[in-house]
Amino acid sequence: MLTPVFLDNLPDALPPIQRGSELYRLQRSRELIDLLAQDSVEWQERDCPSCGAKGRAQHFTLTPLAFHRCLGCNSIHAARVPDQARLDGLRMATLSDGRSDPSVHYAQRSFEFASILNWLQIAAARYRDKALRVLDYRFASHAPGFALAAAEDAAVEGREWHHVPLQAGGEPFADLAEALARTGPDAVLLQAEIDRAADPGLLLARLREGLPSGALVFVSSSCADGLEYEILGPRSPSFIPLDRLNLFSIRGFRQLAQDTGFTCLESSTPGRLDAVILKSHFDQRASNDTPFWSGFFRDANRDRLQDLQVLLQRSLRSGVMRFVLQVP
């Protein structure tokens, strides 16, 4: 399986730390507290959603929702979850409260969007002539500016884009099954959506059932193997419990994808922010409570951070993972 490395320059420290709206984080935290306080919510206890193992260690104990680390594959997951319809409804309410002009989102996240589109184009060219009809599942709802980026891509590359908006109610992922049947895509983008699934195996199963042989699936998710999560755990600025119900390890997600019937063509951890986030964290802390890393990041210059980020990518230890899957 191919493990490409994406050698991008590191961003400045301030924008990555501020990229997630603090208001959004507070809203999602409040929703979680409200969920936990409601007697009417039916919670489903879960074993590891990646490999199904029952052995687990308590993890992320600072959060109000318990998370476990799988002793079999190293994935991290919420120990219990509400139903998918409730999760989707809460996210719709949060996004509608904080929605702004898509052009603002486009300007703020243009580098991220360009990285995603380049990933699709380069990877698709390795395994088929071209991805001509791409289905985006819910990402344009979470990042409204992405629809503008996809429209530009369609004009330049001739790709046909279909965006499935976030919606709540009905059977889990029934909207995905309907969209697959209606549009007949040869590629699907699953950008940061599988993190939020109460049953990620069911989400992949819906894809597997609705896609023809040879179709590609581009999955991006947080990575439990990443140094950011290894050191910071729930203190990571990337960790919002309701948006990170599943933190897959590379091994765990590979097994889940194969068990669902996909062939794993590529895996990578193309994160650019681990070193920047960790340096910011240690620069702001007066204590020297983490052996080696406290001194490393306080003394690190930009070149050292760049070298570390390259090492993390080559070792599949960055905080964001990407998989390219194919239907056999």
Protein backbone atom coordinates (compact mmCIF):
# COMPACT_ATOMS: atom_id res chain seq x y z
CA MET A 1 0.00 0.00 0.00
CA LEU A 2 1.36 3.41 -1.01
CA THR A 3 2.22 5.89 1.78
CA PRO A 4 2.82 9.28 0.09
CA VAL A 5 4.38 12.24 1.90
CA PHE A 6 3.10 15.79 1.38
CA LEU A 7 6.01 18.20 1.84
CA ASP A 8 4.23 21.50 2.45
CA ASN A 9 5.77 24.40 4.31
CA LEU A 10 4.58 24.88 7.87
CA PRO A 11 1.92 27.52 8.39
CA ASP A 12 2.36 30.35 10.86
CA ALA A 13 1.42 29.47 14.42
CA LEU A 14 -1.52 31.81 14.98
CA PRO A 15 -3.97 30.88 12.16
CA PRO A 16 -3.98 27.12 12.88
CA ILE A 17 -4.69 27.70 16.57
CA GLN A 18 -7.55 30.06 15.69
CA ARG A 19 -8.89 28.07 12.72
CA GLY A 20 -11.61 26.42 14.78
CA SER A 21 -14.07 29.04 15.96
CA GLU A 22 -14.05 29.29 19.75
CA LEU A 23 -17.79 29.91 19.61
CA TYR A 24 -18.26 26.66 17.71
CA ARG A 25 -16.22 24.76 20.28
CA LEU A 26 -18.28 26.24 23.12
CA GLN A 27 -21.55 25.39 21.37
CA ARG A 28 -20.52 21.80 20.81
CA SER A 29 -19.38 21.46 24.42
CA ARG A 30 -22.70 22.83 25.64
CA GLU A 31 -24.59 20.38 23.41
CA LEU A 32 -22.64 17.49 24.90
CA ILE A 33 -23.41 18.59 28.46
CA ASP A 34 -27.11 18.94 27.55
CA LEU A 35 -27.10 15.45 26.01
CA LEU A 36 -25.58 13.92 29.11
CA ALA A 37 -28.17 15.63 31.31
CA GLN A 38 -31.20 14.39 29.34
CA ASP A 39 -32.87 11.25 30.65
CA SER A 40 -34.62 10.72 27.31
CA VAL A 41 -31.41 10.13 25.33
CA GLU A 42 -30.76 6.49 24.52
CA TRP A 43 -27.04 5.80 24.63
CA GLN A 44 -25.44 2.86 22.86
CA GLU A 45 -22.40 1.29 24.50
CA ARG A 46 -19.65 0.50 21.97
CA ASP A 47 -16.69 -1.78 21.61
CA CYS A 48 -13.92 -0.57 19.32
CA PRO A 49 -15.62 0.64 16.09
CA SER A 50 -12.42 -0.05 14.13
CA CYS A 51 -11.60 -3.66 14.94
CA GLY A 52 -14.41 -4.72 17.30
CA ALA A 53 -12.05 -5.61 20.14
CA LYS A 54 -13.46 -5.47 23.64
CA GLY A 55 -10.15 -4.89 25.44
CA ARG A 56 -9.75 -1.22 26.23
CA ALA A 57 -8.00 1.29 28.46
CA GLN A 58 -9.65 4.38 29.88
CA HIS A 59 -8.53 7.42 27.93
CA PHE A 60 -9.27 11.13 27.61
CA THR A 61 -10.64 11.11 31.17
CA LEU A 62 -10.75 14.92 31.32
CA THR A 63 -13.78 14.98 29.01
CA PRO A 64 -17.38 14.63 30.29
CA LEU A 65 -17.90 11.80 27.78
CA ALA A 66 -15.68 8.78 28.47
CA PHE A 67 -13.30 7.73 25.71
CA HIS A 68 -11.47 4.42 25.44
CA ARG A 69 -8.26 3.47 23.67
CA CYS A 70 -8.43 0.06 22.01
CA LEU A 71 -5.77 -2.34 23.26
CA GLY A 72 -5.94 -4.17 19.92
CA CYS A 73 -5.51 -1.44 17.29
CA ASN A 74 -4.78 1.76 19.28
CA SER A 75 -7.88 3.60 18.02
CA ILE A 76 -9.68 5.93 20.42
CA HIS A 77 -13.47 6.08 20.59
CA ALA A 78 -16.33 7.43 22.65
CA ALA A 79 -17.43 4.64 24.97
CA ARG A 80 -21.10 5.36 24.25
CA VAL A 81 -22.94 7.40 21.62
CA PRO A 82 -26.50 8.61 20.95
CA ASP A 83 -28.27 7.72 17.71
CA GLN A 84 -27.09 9.18 14.41
CA ALA A 85 -30.22 11.25 13.82
CA ARG A 86 -29.73 13.10 17.10
CA LEU A 87 -26.06 13.72 16.34
CA ASP A 88 -26.88 15.08 12.88
CA GLY A 89 -29.68 17.28 14.23
CA LEU A 90 -27.43 18.85 16.83
CA ARG A 91 -24.74 19.57 14.25
CA MET A 92 -27.26 21.13 11.86
CA ALA A 93 -28.40 23.50 14.61
CA THR A 94 -24.82 24.46 15.46
CA LEU A 95 -23.84 25.10 11.85
CA SER A 96 -26.94 27.16 11.13
CA ASP A 97 -26.23 29.34 14.20
CA GLY A 98 -22.70 30.10 13.06
CA ARG A 99 -23.13 30.17 9.28
CA SER A 100 -21.38 32.98 7.43
CA ASP A 101 -20.72 34.00 3.85
CA PRO A 102 -19.24 31.00 1.95
CA SER A 103 -16.68 33.33 0.39
CA VAL A 104 -15.32 34.04 3.88
CA HIS A 105 -14.91 30.33 4.52
CA TYR A 106 -13.26 29.99 1.13
CA ALA A 107 -10.71 32.72 1.89
CA GLN A 108 -9.95 31.34 5.35
CA ARG A 109 -9.55 27.72 4.23
CA SER A 110 -8.38 28.05 0.64
CA PHE A 111 -5.12 26.17 1.28
CA GLU A 112 -7.01 23.27 2.87
CA PHE A 113 -9.46 23.10 -0.04
CA ALA A 114 -6.63 23.19 -2.59
CA SER A 115 -4.86 20.38 -0.72
CA ILE A 116 -8.00 18.21 -0.84
CA LEU A 117 -8.57 18.82 -4.55
CA ASN A 118 -4.92 18.12 -5.39
CA TRP A 119 -5.09 14.92 -3.38
CA LEU A 120 -8.13 13.74 -5.35
CA GLN A 121 -6.60 14.61 -8.70
CA ILE A 122 -3.19 13.05 -8.10
CA ALA A 123 -4.46 9.89 -6.39
CA ALA A 124 -7.22 9.30 -8.95
CA ALA A 125 -4.68 9.53 -11.77
CA ARG A 126 -2.73 6.66 -10.22
CA TYR A 127 -5.62 4.21 -10.37
CA ARG A 128 -7.91 5.33 -13.17
CA ASP A 129 -7.85 7.80 -16.03
CA LYS A 130 -9.72 10.47 -14.08
CA ALA A 131 -12.38 10.92 -11.42
CA LEU A 132 -15.07 12.58 -13.51
CA ARG A 133 -18.08 12.45 -11.17
CA VAL A 134 -17.37 13.10 -7.49
CA LEU A 135 -19.84 12.92 -4.61
CA ASP A 136 -19.02 15.05 -1.57
CA TYR A 137 -20.79 13.74 1.51
CA ARG A 138 -21.63 16.62 3.88
CA PHE A 139 -18.30 18.44 3.81
CA ALA A 140 -19.72 21.44 1.95
CA SER A 141 -22.27 21.83 4.76
CA HIS A 142 -19.53 21.94 7.37
CA ALA A 143 -17.19 24.11 5.25
CA PRO A 144 -19.47 26.18 2.97
CA GLY A 145 -16.55 27.63 1.02
CA PHE A 146 -15.69 24.17 -0.30
CA ALA A 147 -18.56 24.33 -2.80
CA LEU A 148 -16.89 27.40 -4.36
CA ALA A 149 -13.57 25.56 -4.55
CA ALA A 150 -15.27 22.52 -6.12
CA ALA A 151 -16.99 24.78 -8.68
CA GLU A 152 -13.62 26.21 -9.69
CA ASP A 153 -12.24 22.68 -9.94
CA ALA A 154 -15.17 21.67 -12.14
CA ALA A 155 -14.54 24.61 -14.47
CA VAL A 156 -10.81 23.87 -14.82
CA GLU A 157 -10.69 20.07 -14.67
CA GLY A 158 -14.12 19.22 -16.09
CA ARG A 159 -15.12 17.25 -13.00
CA GLU A 160 -18.77 16.96 -12.06
CA TRP A 161 -19.40 17.61 -8.37
CA HIS A 162 -22.43 16.58 -6.35
CA HIS A 163 -22.76 17.81 -2.75
CA VAL A 164 -24.94 15.87 -0.30
CA PRO A 165 -25.92 18.34 2.44
CA LEU A 166 -26.09 17.49 6.10
CA GLN A 167 -29.61 16.49 7.12
CA ALA A 168 -31.16 14.75 10.08
CA GLY A 169 -33.90 12.18 10.49
CA GLY A 170 -34.71 8.89 8.83
CA GLU A 171 -32.52 5.83 8.63
CA PRO A 172 -28.80 6.42 9.22
CA PHE A 173 -27.04 7.43 5.99
CA ALA A 174 -30.14 6.86 3.88
CA ASP A 175 -29.32 10.18 2.19
CA LEU A 176 -25.99 8.74 1.10
CA ALA A 177 -27.57 5.60 -0.35
CA GLU A 178 -30.09 7.71 -2.29
CA ALA A 179 -27.39 10.07 -3.61
CA LEU A 180 -25.21 7.19 -4.76
CA ALA A 181 -28.09 5.66 -6.69
CA ARG A 182 -29.09 9.01 -8.19
CA THR A 183 -25.70 10.39 -9.25
CA GLY A 184 -23.65 7.25 -9.98
CA PRO A 185 -20.29 8.72 -8.90
CA ASP A 186 -16.93 7.16 -9.66
CA ALA A 187 -15.40 8.78 -6.55
CA VAL A 188 -16.66 9.83 -3.12
CA LEU A 189 -15.10 12.36 -0.77
CA LEU A 190 -15.56 11.58 2.94
CA GLN A 191 -13.77 14.52 4.51
CA ALA A 192 -13.80 14.52 8.35
CA GLU A 193 -17.25 12.90 8.37
CA ILE A 194 -16.45 9.41 9.58
CA ASP A 195 -15.09 10.92 12.82
CA ARG A 196 -18.64 11.96 13.70
CA ALA A 197 -20.42 8.69 12.91
CA ALA A 198 -22.09 6.72 15.70
CA ASP A 199 -21.52 3.61 13.56
CA PRO A 200 -18.63 4.22 11.11
CA GLY A 201 -18.85 0.64 9.84
CA LEU A 202 -22.41 1.28 8.68
CA LEU A 203 -21.30 4.43 6.85
CA LEU A 204 -18.66 2.49 4.95
CA ALA A 205 -21.13 -0.33 4.28
CA ARG A 206 -23.54 2.14 2.64
CA LEU A 207 -20.72 3.28 0.39
CA ARG A 208 -19.68 -0.25 -0.47
CA GLU A 209 -23.25 -1.23 -1.37
CA GLY A 210 -23.84 1.79 -3.60
CA LEU A 211 -20.59 2.07 -5.54
CA PRO A 212 -19.57 0.12 -8.67
CA SER A 213 -16.37 -1.88 -9.01
CA GLY A 214 -13.37 0.38 -9.46
CA ALA A 215 -14.88 3.40 -7.70
CA LEU A 216 -12.62 5.29 -5.31
CA VAL A 217 -13.36 6.60 -1.81
CA PHE A 218 -11.22 9.39 -0.34
CA VAL A 219 -11.41 9.32 3.46
CA SER A 220 -9.86 11.94 5.70
CA SER A 221 -10.04 11.66 9.48
CA SER A 222 -8.18 12.47 12.68
CA CYS A 223 -5.45 9.99 13.53
CA ALA A 224 -5.11 8.47 16.99
CA ASP A 225 -1.47 7.62 16.20
CA GLY A 226 -0.64 11.31 15.77
CA LEU A 227 1.91 12.92 18.07
CA GLU A 228 -0.52 15.74 18.81
CA TYR A 229 -2.98 13.32 20.43
CA GLU A 230 -0.25 11.22 22.03
CA ILE A 231 1.09 14.24 23.93
CA LEU A 232 -1.93 16.51 24.43
CA GLY A 233 -4.79 14.00 24.52
CA PRO A 234 -8.06 15.87 25.22
CA ARG A 235 -6.15 19.15 25.55
CA SER A 236 -5.51 19.13 21.82
CA PRO A 237 -7.20 22.12 20.10
CA SER A 238 -8.34 19.68 17.41
CA PHE A 239 -10.34 17.59 19.89
CA ILE A 240 -14.05 18.41 20.13
CA PRO A 241 -15.80 15.32 21.58
CA LEU A 242 -18.98 15.41 19.46
CA ASP A 243 -16.86 15.90 16.31
CA ARG A 244 -14.32 13.25 17.30
CA LEU A 245 -16.40 10.30 18.40
CA ASN A 246 -13.94 8.10 16.48
CA LEU A 247 -10.19 8.72 16.42
CA PHE A 248 -8.90 5.95 14.17
CA SER A 249 -5.43 4.53 14.17
CA ILE A 250 -3.92 3.66 10.80
CA ARG A 251 -4.10 -0.05 11.60
CA GLY A 252 -7.63 0.18 12.97
CA PHE A 253 -9.10 2.03 10.01
CA ARG A 254 -7.34 -0.25 7.54
CA GLN A 255 -8.95 -3.25 9.21
CA LEU A 256 -12.38 -1.59 9.26
CA ALA A 257 -12.14 -0.73 5.56
CA GLN A 258 -11.03 -4.24 4.62
CA ASP A 259 -13.72 -5.84 6.77
CA THR A 260 -16.30 -3.71 4.96
CA GLY A 261 -15.09 -4.96 1.58
CA PHE A 262 -12.76 -2.23 0.36
CA THR A 263 -9.22 -2.47 -0.94
CA CYS A 264 -6.86 0.02 0.74
CA LEU A 265 -4.72 1.65 -1.94
CA GLU A 266 -3.06 4.46 0.00
CA SER A 267 -2.62 5.67 3.55
CA SER A 268 -0.89 8.84 4.65
CA THR A 269 -0.80 11.33 7.51
CA PRO A 270 -0.39 14.64 5.68
CA GLY A 271 -0.86 16.90 8.71
CA ARG A 272 1.04 20.19 8.74
CA LEU A 273 -0.02 21.42 12.16
CA ASP A 274 1.28 18.94 14.74
CA ALA A 275 4.60 20.70 15.27
CA VAL A 276 3.03 24.16 15.26
CA ILE A 277 0.25 23.21 17.69
CA LEU A 278 2.65 21.47 20.07
CA LYS A 279 5.14 24.33 20.06
CA SER A 280 2.36 26.80 20.81
CA HIS A 281 1.19 24.58 23.67
CA PHE A 282 4.60 24.29 25.33
CA ASP A 283 5.49 27.95 24.74
CA GLN A 284 2.42 28.91 26.77
CA ARG A 285 3.12 26.55 29.67
CA ALA A 286 5.57 27.50 32.38
CA SER A 287 6.01 23.98 33.73
CA ASN A 288 8.41 21.41 32.34
CA ASP A 289 6.13 18.43 32.93
CA THR A 290 6.62 16.42 29.72
CA PRO A 291 10.04 14.78 29.50
CA PHE A 292 11.99 15.58 26.34
CA TRP A 293 9.13 17.29 24.50
CA SER A 294 8.85 20.34 26.76
CA GLY A 295 12.45 21.35 26.09
CA PHE A 296 12.36 20.21 22.46
CA PHE A 297 9.48 22.47 21.45
CA ARG A 298 10.54 25.47 23.51
CA ASP A 299 13.96 25.43 21.84
CA ALA A 300 12.77 24.46 18.35
CA ASN A 301 13.21 26.86 15.47
CA ARG A 302 11.24 26.70 12.23
CA ASP A 303 13.71 24.34 10.54
CA ARG A 304 13.56 21.88 13.43
CA LEU A 305 9.77 21.97 13.38
CA GLN A 306 9.77 21.36 9.63
CA ASP A 307 12.10 18.37 10.05
CA LEU A 308 9.86 16.95 12.77
CA GLN A 309 6.74 17.33 10.63
CA VAL A 310 8.40 15.48 7.74
CA LEU A 311 9.45 12.71 10.13
CA LEU A 312 5.87 12.43 11.45
CA GLN A 313 4.51 12.10 7.92
CA ARG A 314 7.05 9.49 6.90
CA SER A 315 6.29 7.54 10.08
CA LEU A 316 2.48 7.89 9.74
CA ARG A 317 2.41 9.74 13.07
CA SER A 318 0.77 13.04 12.16
CA GLY A 319 -2.63 13.98 13.57
CA VAL A 320 -4.59 13.79 10.29
CA MET A 321 -4.84 10.63 8.20
CA ARG A 322 -5.96 10.04 4.63
CA PHE A 323 -6.97 6.79 3.00
CA VAL A 324 -7.75 6.03 -0.62
CA LEU A 325 -10.07 3.03 -0.87
CA GLN A 326 -11.32 1.17 -3.92
CA VAL A 327 -14.26 -1.10 -4.54
CA PRO A 328 -12.80 -4.40 -5.84
